[in-house]
Amino acid sequence: MNTSKPTYINVIAWTTLASGIVNLFWGLAASGTALTTIIGIICTPITILPTILGIFELIYAAKLFSNPPQPMQPSKNIAIFEIACAITGNIFSVAVGILALIFYNDNIVKDYFAGLNGSSLNPVSISQSQVASVIQEPSIPLTNETSAPQE
């Protein structure tokens, strides 16, 4: 397996890391600001969500940067939650989420993640001798005749 990471994987890792840091600060600042008003206290659960997403983004980016690479799947859920950060006004995270979803659909990225997980997208060639060893003659002869009761 080729151990070099495609450029798109590095772009996803760096942008996810940057978005994680921005979301951490964005969530903490929004939560701190929201706690100054009565209505803001009610809205605090919404302002905490970017902080939680930021933590997950940092963990995912660390896995993408790991050497040797760890078996993992593309995290489309994180990308979708990044897009959902539009609710909190974080446009940078929205852009990162859209780019991540676009890059996850690239064939090079799909092949890279398939290689990490030990599966391949191409069908496996099996020799005829391997197929013959699996297929065996049935021990009971099959017949098309059915016995119907005679009247």
N, C-alpha and C. Protein backbone atom coordinates (compact mmCIF):
# COMPACT_ATOMS: atom_id res chain seq x y z
N MET A 1 0.83 -1.17 0.00
CA MET A 1 0.00 0.00 0.00
C MET A 1 0.89 1.25 0.00
N ASN A 2 0.50 2.22 -0.76
CA ASN A 2 1.22 3.48 -0.81
C ASN A 2 0.92 4.26 0.46
N THR A 3 1.97 4.59 1.23
CA THR A 3 1.76 5.24 2.52
C THR A 3 1.70 6.76 2.42
N SER A 4 1.98 7.32 1.24
CA SER A 4 1.91 8.77 1.12
C SER A 4 0.45 9.20 1.06
N LYS A 5 0.18 10.29 1.74
CA LYS A 5 -1.19 10.78 1.81
C LYS A 5 -1.48 11.67 0.60
N PRO A 6 -2.66 11.51 0.00
CA PRO A 6 -3.02 12.41 -1.09
C PRO A 6 -3.15 13.85 -0.58
N THR A 7 -3.02 14.79 -1.49
CA THR A 7 -3.10 16.21 -1.14
C THR A 7 -4.43 16.54 -0.50
N TYR A 8 -5.50 15.96 -1.01
CA TYR A 8 -6.83 16.25 -0.46
C TYR A 8 -6.94 15.82 1.00
N ILE A 9 -6.28 14.73 1.36
CA ILE A 9 -6.31 14.28 2.76
C ILE A 9 -5.61 15.30 3.64
N ASN A 10 -4.48 15.81 3.17
CA ASN A 10 -3.78 16.85 3.94
C ASN A 10 -4.61 18.12 4.04
N VAL A 11 -5.30 18.48 2.97
CA VAL A 11 -6.16 19.67 3.01
C VAL A 11 -7.30 19.46 4.00
N ILE A 12 -7.91 18.28 3.98
CA ILE A 12 -8.99 17.98 4.93
C ILE A 12 -8.46 18.04 6.35
N ALA A 13 -7.29 17.47 6.59
CA ALA A 13 -6.72 17.46 7.94
C ALA A 13 -6.43 18.88 8.43
N TRP A 14 -5.78 19.70 7.61
CA TRP A 14 -5.43 21.06 8.03
C TRP A 14 -6.66 21.94 8.22
N THR A 15 -7.62 21.83 7.31
CA THR A 15 -8.82 22.67 7.45
C THR A 15 -9.67 22.22 8.63
N THR A 16 -9.71 20.91 8.88
CA THR A 16 -10.45 20.41 10.04
C THR A 16 -9.79 20.86 11.33
N LEU A 17 -8.48 20.85 11.36
CA LEU A 17 -7.75 21.34 12.53
C LEU A 17 -8.03 22.83 12.76
N ALA A 18 -7.94 23.61 11.70
CA ALA A 18 -8.20 25.05 11.83
C ALA A 18 -9.65 25.31 12.25
N SER A 19 -10.58 24.57 11.67
CA SER A 19 -11.98 24.74 12.04
C SER A 19 -12.23 24.32 13.48
N GLY A 20 -11.52 23.29 13.94
CA GLY A 20 -11.65 22.87 15.33
C GLY A 20 -11.19 23.94 16.30
N ILE A 21 -10.08 24.58 15.98
CA ILE A 21 -9.58 25.65 16.85
C ILE A 21 -10.54 26.84 16.83
N VAL A 22 -11.00 27.21 15.63
CA VAL A 22 -11.95 28.32 15.51
C VAL A 22 -13.24 28.00 16.26
N ASN A 23 -13.73 26.77 16.13
CA ASN A 23 -14.97 26.40 16.82
C ASN A 23 -14.81 26.40 18.34
N LEU A 24 -13.64 26.00 18.82
CA LEU A 24 -13.42 26.05 20.27
C LEU A 24 -13.54 27.49 20.78
N PHE A 25 -12.82 28.39 20.13
CA PHE A 25 -12.87 29.78 20.56
C PHE A 25 -14.24 30.41 20.30
N TRP A 26 -14.85 30.05 19.17
CA TRP A 26 -16.16 30.60 18.82
C TRP A 26 -17.20 30.17 19.86
N GLY A 27 -17.20 28.91 20.22
CA GLY A 27 -18.16 28.40 21.20
C GLY A 27 -17.95 28.99 22.57
N LEU A 28 -16.69 29.11 22.99
CA LEU A 28 -16.42 29.70 24.31
C LEU A 28 -16.81 31.17 24.35
N ALA A 29 -16.51 31.91 23.27
CA ALA A 29 -16.87 33.32 23.23
C ALA A 29 -18.39 33.50 23.17
N ALA A 30 -19.05 32.68 22.38
CA ALA A 30 -20.51 32.79 22.28
C ALA A 30 -21.17 32.40 23.60
N SER A 31 -20.66 31.40 24.26
CA SER A 31 -21.23 30.99 25.55
C SER A 31 -21.00 32.07 26.61
N GLY A 32 -19.82 32.65 26.61
CA GLY A 32 -19.54 33.72 27.57
C GLY A 32 -20.41 34.93 27.34
N THR A 33 -20.62 35.26 26.09
CA THR A 33 -21.48 36.40 25.76
C THR A 33 -22.94 36.08 26.09
N ALA A 34 -23.36 34.86 25.82
CA ALA A 34 -24.75 34.50 26.06
C ALA A 34 -25.09 34.49 27.55
N LEU A 35 -24.13 34.22 28.39
CA LEU A 35 -24.39 34.15 29.82
C LEU A 35 -24.62 35.52 30.46
N THR A 36 -24.44 36.59 29.70
CA THR A 36 -24.62 37.93 30.27
C THR A 36 -26.07 38.39 30.25
N THR A 37 -26.94 37.68 29.55
CA THR A 37 -28.36 38.07 29.49
C THR A 37 -29.24 36.89 29.87
N ILE A 38 -30.46 37.18 30.26
CA ILE A 38 -31.41 36.13 30.62
C ILE A 38 -31.75 35.27 29.41
N ILE A 39 -32.02 35.90 28.27
CA ILE A 39 -32.34 35.13 27.06
C ILE A 39 -31.12 34.32 26.63
N GLY A 40 -29.94 34.86 26.81
CA GLY A 40 -28.72 34.16 26.46
C GLY A 40 -28.50 32.91 27.29
N ILE A 41 -28.91 32.96 28.56
CA ILE A 41 -28.79 31.77 29.41
C ILE A 41 -29.64 30.64 28.86
N ILE A 42 -30.82 30.99 28.34
CA ILE A 42 -31.69 29.97 27.74
C ILE A 42 -31.06 29.41 26.47
N CYS A 43 -30.35 30.25 25.72
CA CYS A 43 -29.74 29.85 24.45
C CYS A 43 -28.35 29.23 24.61
N THR A 44 -27.86 29.12 25.82
CA THR A 44 -26.51 28.60 26.05
C THR A 44 -26.29 27.21 25.45
N PRO A 45 -27.25 26.27 25.48
CA PRO A 45 -26.99 24.97 24.85
C PRO A 45 -26.63 25.08 23.37
N ILE A 46 -27.19 26.05 22.67
CA ILE A 46 -26.86 26.23 21.25
C ILE A 46 -25.45 26.77 21.11
N THR A 47 -25.04 27.63 22.02
CA THR A 47 -23.71 28.23 21.91
C THR A 47 -22.60 27.28 22.36
N ILE A 48 -22.94 26.23 23.07
CA ILE A 48 -21.94 25.25 23.51
C ILE A 48 -21.63 24.26 22.38
N LEU A 49 -22.53 24.07 21.45
CA LEU A 49 -22.35 23.08 20.39
C LEU A 49 -21.08 23.29 19.55
N PRO A 50 -20.70 24.53 19.17
CA PRO A 50 -19.44 24.67 18.44
C PRO A 50 -18.22 24.21 19.24
N THR A 51 -18.27 24.37 20.55
CA THR A 51 -17.15 23.91 21.38
C THR A 51 -17.03 22.39 21.33
N ILE A 52 -18.15 21.71 21.43
CA ILE A 52 -18.14 20.24 21.37
C ILE A 52 -17.68 19.78 19.99
N LEU A 53 -18.20 20.43 18.93
CA LEU A 53 -17.77 20.09 17.58
C LEU A 53 -16.27 20.33 17.41
N GLY A 54 -15.76 21.41 17.98
CA GLY A 54 -14.34 21.71 17.90
C GLY A 54 -13.48 20.61 18.50
N ILE A 55 -13.93 20.03 19.59
CA ILE A 55 -13.19 18.93 20.22
C ILE A 55 -13.16 17.72 19.29
N PHE A 56 -14.31 17.38 18.70
CA PHE A 56 -14.35 16.25 17.77
C PHE A 56 -13.51 16.52 16.53
N GLU A 57 -13.49 17.75 16.07
CA GLU A 57 -12.66 18.09 14.91
C GLU A 57 -11.19 17.94 15.22
N LEU A 58 -10.76 18.35 16.39
CA LEU A 58 -9.35 18.21 16.77
C LEU A 58 -8.94 16.74 16.85
N ILE A 59 -9.82 15.92 17.40
CA ILE A 59 -9.53 14.48 17.51
C ILE A 59 -9.43 13.86 16.11
N TYR A 60 -10.38 14.21 15.23
CA TYR A 60 -10.37 13.66 13.87
C TYR A 60 -9.14 14.13 13.10
N ALA A 61 -8.78 15.40 13.23
CA ALA A 61 -7.60 15.91 12.54
C ALA A 61 -6.34 15.21 13.05
N ALA A 62 -6.26 14.94 14.35
CA ALA A 62 -5.11 14.23 14.90
C ALA A 62 -5.00 12.83 14.32
N LYS A 63 -6.14 12.17 14.11
CA LYS A 63 -6.12 10.84 13.49
C LYS A 63 -5.66 10.92 12.04
N LEU A 64 -6.07 11.98 11.33
CA LEU A 64 -5.63 12.13 9.94
C LEU A 64 -4.13 12.41 9.85
N PHE A 65 -3.59 13.13 10.85
CA PHE A 65 -2.16 13.45 10.85
C PHE A 65 -1.29 12.31 11.36
N SER A 66 -1.87 11.28 11.98
CA SER A 66 -1.08 10.24 12.62
C SER A 66 -0.19 9.51 11.62
N ASN A 67 0.96 9.09 12.12
CA ASN A 67 1.89 8.36 11.29
C ASN A 67 2.37 7.15 12.08
N PRO A 68 2.06 5.93 11.75
CA PRO A 68 1.37 5.47 10.57
C PRO A 68 -0.13 5.77 10.65
N PRO A 69 -0.78 5.87 9.50
CA PRO A 69 -2.20 6.20 9.49
C PRO A 69 -3.04 5.13 10.17
N GLN A 70 -4.08 5.58 10.86
CA GLN A 70 -4.99 4.66 11.54
C GLN A 70 -6.15 4.30 10.61
N PRO A 71 -6.67 3.07 10.72
CA PRO A 71 -7.86 2.74 9.93
C PRO A 71 -9.04 3.60 10.39
N MET A 72 -9.67 4.28 9.47
CA MET A 72 -10.80 5.15 9.79
C MET A 72 -11.60 5.42 8.53
N GLN A 73 -12.77 5.95 8.72
CA GLN A 73 -13.68 6.29 7.63
C GLN A 73 -13.70 7.81 7.46
N PRO A 74 -14.10 8.29 6.28
CA PRO A 74 -14.29 9.73 6.15
C PRO A 74 -15.43 10.18 7.05
N SER A 75 -15.24 11.26 7.77
CA SER A 75 -16.24 11.70 8.74
C SER A 75 -17.17 12.73 8.11
N LYS A 76 -18.16 12.22 7.41
CA LYS A 76 -19.14 13.11 6.79
C LYS A 76 -20.03 13.76 7.85
N ASN A 77 -20.18 13.12 9.00
CA ASN A 77 -20.98 13.71 10.07
C ASN A 77 -20.34 15.00 10.58
N ILE A 78 -19.03 15.01 10.75
CA ILE A 78 -18.36 16.23 11.20
C ILE A 78 -18.54 17.33 10.16
N ALA A 79 -18.42 16.98 8.88
CA ALA A 79 -18.60 17.97 7.82
C ALA A 79 -20.01 18.55 7.83
N ILE A 80 -20.99 17.72 8.08
CA ILE A 80 -22.38 18.19 8.14
C ILE A 80 -22.59 19.11 9.34
N PHE A 81 -22.01 18.74 10.48
CA PHE A 81 -22.13 19.61 11.66
C PHE A 81 -21.37 20.92 11.46
N GLU A 82 -20.29 20.88 10.69
CA GLU A 82 -19.59 22.13 10.38
C GLU A 82 -20.49 23.05 9.56
N ILE A 83 -21.22 22.48 8.62
CA ILE A 83 -22.16 23.28 7.83
C ILE A 83 -23.28 23.80 8.72
N ALA A 84 -23.69 23.00 9.69
CA ALA A 84 -24.76 23.42 10.60
C ALA A 84 -24.31 24.55 11.53
N CYS A 85 -23.03 24.82 11.58
CA CYS A 85 -22.52 25.93 12.41
C CYS A 85 -22.97 27.28 11.86
N ALA A 86 -23.64 27.29 10.72
CA ALA A 86 -24.21 28.53 10.21
C ALA A 86 -25.22 29.09 11.21
N ILE A 87 -25.81 28.22 12.01
CA ILE A 87 -26.77 28.64 13.04
C ILE A 87 -26.10 29.57 14.04
N THR A 88 -24.85 29.29 14.36
CA THR A 88 -24.13 30.12 15.32
C THR A 88 -23.37 31.27 14.66
N GLY A 89 -23.42 31.34 13.33
CA GLY A 89 -22.78 32.44 12.62
C GLY A 89 -21.34 32.20 12.22
N ASN A 90 -20.86 30.98 12.33
CA ASN A 90 -19.47 30.66 12.00
C ASN A 90 -19.37 30.28 10.52
N ILE A 91 -19.10 31.25 9.68
CA ILE A 91 -19.04 31.03 8.23
C ILE A 91 -17.79 30.24 7.83
N PHE A 92 -16.69 30.41 8.55
CA PHE A 92 -15.47 29.66 8.25
C PHE A 92 -15.72 28.16 8.35
N SER A 93 -16.41 27.74 9.39
CA SER A 93 -16.70 26.33 9.59
C SER A 93 -17.63 25.80 8.49
N VAL A 94 -18.55 26.64 8.03
CA VAL A 94 -19.44 26.23 6.94
C VAL A 94 -18.62 25.95 5.67
N ALA A 95 -17.68 26.83 5.36
CA ALA A 95 -16.84 26.65 4.18
C ALA A 95 -16.00 25.38 4.29
N VAL A 96 -15.46 25.11 5.47
CA VAL A 96 -14.66 23.90 5.69
C VAL A 96 -15.52 22.65 5.51
N GLY A 97 -16.74 22.67 6.02
CA GLY A 97 -17.64 21.53 5.89
C GLY A 97 -18.00 21.24 4.44
N ILE A 98 -18.25 22.30 3.68
CA ILE A 98 -18.59 22.10 2.26
C ILE A 98 -17.38 21.54 1.50
N LEU A 99 -16.19 22.09 1.76
CA LEU A 99 -14.99 21.58 1.10
C LEU A 99 -14.71 20.12 1.47
N ALA A 100 -14.93 19.78 2.74
CA ALA A 100 -14.69 18.40 3.17
C ALA A 100 -15.63 17.44 2.45
N LEU A 101 -16.90 17.80 2.34
CA LEU A 101 -17.85 16.93 1.64
C LEU A 101 -17.48 16.77 0.16
N ILE A 102 -17.02 17.84 -0.44
CA ILE A 102 -16.60 17.76 -1.85
C ILE A 102 -15.38 16.85 -1.97
N PHE A 103 -14.40 17.01 -1.08
CA PHE A 103 -13.20 16.19 -1.16
C PHE A 103 -13.47 14.73 -0.83
N TYR A 104 -14.41 14.44 0.06
CA TYR A 104 -14.74 13.05 0.39
C TYR A 104 -15.30 12.30 -0.81
N ASN A 105 -15.88 13.01 -1.76
CA ASN A 105 -16.45 12.35 -2.94
C ASN A 105 -15.43 12.14 -4.05
N ASP A 106 -14.20 12.59 -3.86
CA ASP A 106 -13.16 12.39 -4.85
C ASP A 106 -12.69 10.94 -4.81
N ASN A 107 -12.41 10.37 -5.99
CA ASN A 107 -12.01 8.96 -6.06
C ASN A 107 -10.69 8.69 -5.36
N ILE A 108 -9.76 9.63 -5.40
CA ILE A 108 -8.46 9.44 -4.75
C ILE A 108 -8.65 9.32 -3.23
N VAL A 109 -9.52 10.14 -2.68
CA VAL A 109 -9.78 10.12 -1.23
C VAL A 109 -10.52 8.83 -0.86
N LYS A 110 -11.48 8.43 -1.68
CA LYS A 110 -12.20 7.18 -1.42
C LYS A 110 -11.23 5.99 -1.44
N ASP A 111 -10.33 5.97 -2.43
CA ASP A 111 -9.35 4.88 -2.51
C ASP A 111 -8.41 4.88 -1.32
N TYR A 112 -8.02 6.08 -0.85
CA TYR A 112 -7.12 6.18 0.30
C TYR A 112 -7.78 5.59 1.55
N PHE A 113 -9.03 5.98 1.81
CA PHE A 113 -9.72 5.45 3.00
C PHE A 113 -10.00 3.96 2.85
N ALA A 114 -10.29 3.50 1.64
CA ALA A 114 -10.49 2.06 1.43
C ALA A 114 -9.19 1.31 1.68
N GLY A 115 -8.06 1.88 1.29
CA GLY A 115 -6.77 1.25 1.54
C GLY A 115 -6.43 1.22 3.01
N LEU A 116 -6.81 2.27 3.75
CA LEU A 116 -6.56 2.28 5.20
C LEU A 116 -7.33 1.18 5.91
N ASN A 117 -8.52 0.92 5.44
CA ASN A 117 -9.39 -0.05 6.10
C ASN A 117 -9.18 -1.47 5.60
N GLY A 118 -8.24 -1.65 4.68
CA GLY A 118 -7.93 -3.00 4.22
C GLY A 118 -8.89 -3.53 3.18
N SER A 119 -9.79 -2.72 2.72
CA SER A 119 -10.71 -3.17 1.68
C SER A 119 -10.34 -2.47 0.39
N SER A 120 -10.71 -3.08 -0.70
CA SER A 120 -10.45 -2.44 -1.99
C SER A 120 -11.76 -2.25 -2.72
N LEU A 121 -11.79 -1.25 -3.55
CA LEU A 121 -12.99 -0.99 -4.32
C LEU A 121 -13.05 -1.85 -5.56
N ASN A 122 -11.93 -2.46 -5.96
CA ASN A 122 -11.87 -3.31 -7.14
C ASN A 122 -12.20 -4.74 -6.75
N PRO A 123 -12.89 -5.46 -7.63
CA PRO A 123 -13.20 -6.86 -7.29
C PRO A 123 -11.93 -7.70 -7.18
N VAL A 124 -11.96 -8.66 -6.29
CA VAL A 124 -10.81 -9.53 -6.06
C VAL A 124 -10.85 -10.65 -7.08
N SER A 125 -9.70 -10.92 -7.69
CA SER A 125 -9.64 -12.01 -8.66
C SER A 125 -9.41 -13.32 -7.91
N ILE A 126 -10.19 -14.31 -8.27
CA ILE A 126 -10.09 -15.63 -7.64
C ILE A 126 -9.78 -16.64 -8.73
N SER A 127 -8.83 -17.50 -8.48
CA SER A 127 -8.47 -18.49 -9.49
C SER A 127 -9.55 -19.57 -9.57
N GLN A 128 -9.56 -20.27 -10.70
CA GLN A 128 -10.57 -21.31 -10.90
C GLN A 128 -10.36 -22.48 -9.94
N SER A 129 -9.14 -22.74 -9.55
CA SER A 129 -8.91 -23.85 -8.62
C SER A 129 -9.48 -23.53 -7.24
N GLN A 130 -9.45 -22.22 -6.84
CA GLN A 130 -10.05 -21.85 -5.57
C GLN A 130 -11.57 -21.99 -5.63
N VAL A 131 -12.16 -21.64 -6.77
CA VAL A 131 -13.61 -21.78 -6.92
C VAL A 131 -13.98 -23.26 -6.94
N ALA A 132 -13.21 -24.07 -7.63
CA ALA A 132 -13.50 -25.50 -7.72
C ALA A 132 -13.40 -26.18 -6.37
N SER A 133 -12.49 -25.72 -5.52
CA SER A 133 -12.36 -26.35 -4.21
C SER A 133 -13.55 -26.02 -3.31
N VAL A 134 -14.22 -24.90 -3.57
CA VAL A 134 -15.37 -24.53 -2.76
C VAL A 134 -16.63 -25.22 -3.26
N ILE A 135 -16.76 -25.34 -4.58
CA ILE A 135 -17.95 -25.96 -5.15
C ILE A 135 -17.74 -27.47 -5.15
N GLN A 136 -18.69 -28.18 -4.57
CA GLN A 136 -18.61 -29.63 -4.51
C GLN A 136 -19.91 -30.22 -5.04
N GLU A 137 -19.82 -31.46 -5.42
CA GLU A 137 -21.01 -32.16 -5.90
C GLU A 137 -21.96 -32.37 -4.73
N PRO A 138 -23.25 -32.17 -4.95
CA PRO A 138 -24.19 -32.45 -3.87
C PRO A 138 -24.23 -33.94 -3.56
N SER A 139 -24.38 -34.27 -2.29
CA SER A 139 -24.38 -35.68 -1.90
C SER A 139 -25.72 -36.35 -2.18
N ILE A 140 -26.79 -35.59 -2.27
CA ILE A 140 -28.10 -36.14 -2.58
C ILE A 140 -28.45 -35.72 -4.00
N PRO A 141 -28.77 -36.69 -4.85
CA PRO A 141 -29.11 -36.32 -6.23
C PRO A 141 -30.42 -35.52 -6.26
N LEU A 142 -30.42 -34.50 -7.04
CA LEU A 142 -31.61 -33.67 -7.18
C LEU A 142 -32.40 -34.14 -8.39
N THR A 143 -33.70 -34.28 -8.21
CA THR A 143 -34.56 -34.69 -9.32
C THR A 143 -35.67 -33.69 -9.48
N ASN A 144 -36.20 -33.61 -10.68
CA ASN A 144 -37.29 -32.68 -10.97
C ASN A 144 -38.65 -33.33 -10.76
N GLU A 145 -38.64 -34.62 -10.52
CA GLU A 145 -39.90 -35.33 -10.38
C GLU A 145 -40.46 -35.09 -8.98
N THR A 146 -41.74 -34.85 -8.94
CA THR A 146 -42.41 -34.74 -7.65
C THR A 146 -43.43 -35.85 -7.58
N SER A 147 -43.54 -36.42 -6.44
CA SER A 147 -44.52 -37.51 -6.29
C SER A 147 -45.84 -36.91 -5.87
N ALA A 148 -46.80 -37.10 -6.75
CA ALA A 148 -48.16 -36.60 -6.46
C ALA A 148 -49.01 -37.80 -6.08
N PRO A 149 -49.90 -37.59 -5.15
CA PRO A 149 -50.75 -38.72 -4.77
C PRO A 149 -51.65 -39.15 -5.94
N GLN A 150 -51.75 -40.45 -6.14
CA GLN A 150 -52.57 -41.01 -7.20
C GLN A 150 -54.00 -41.12 -6.73
N GLU A 151 -54.93 -40.81 -7.63
CA GLU A 151 -56.35 -40.91 -7.27
C GLU A 151 -56.95 -42.18 -7.75
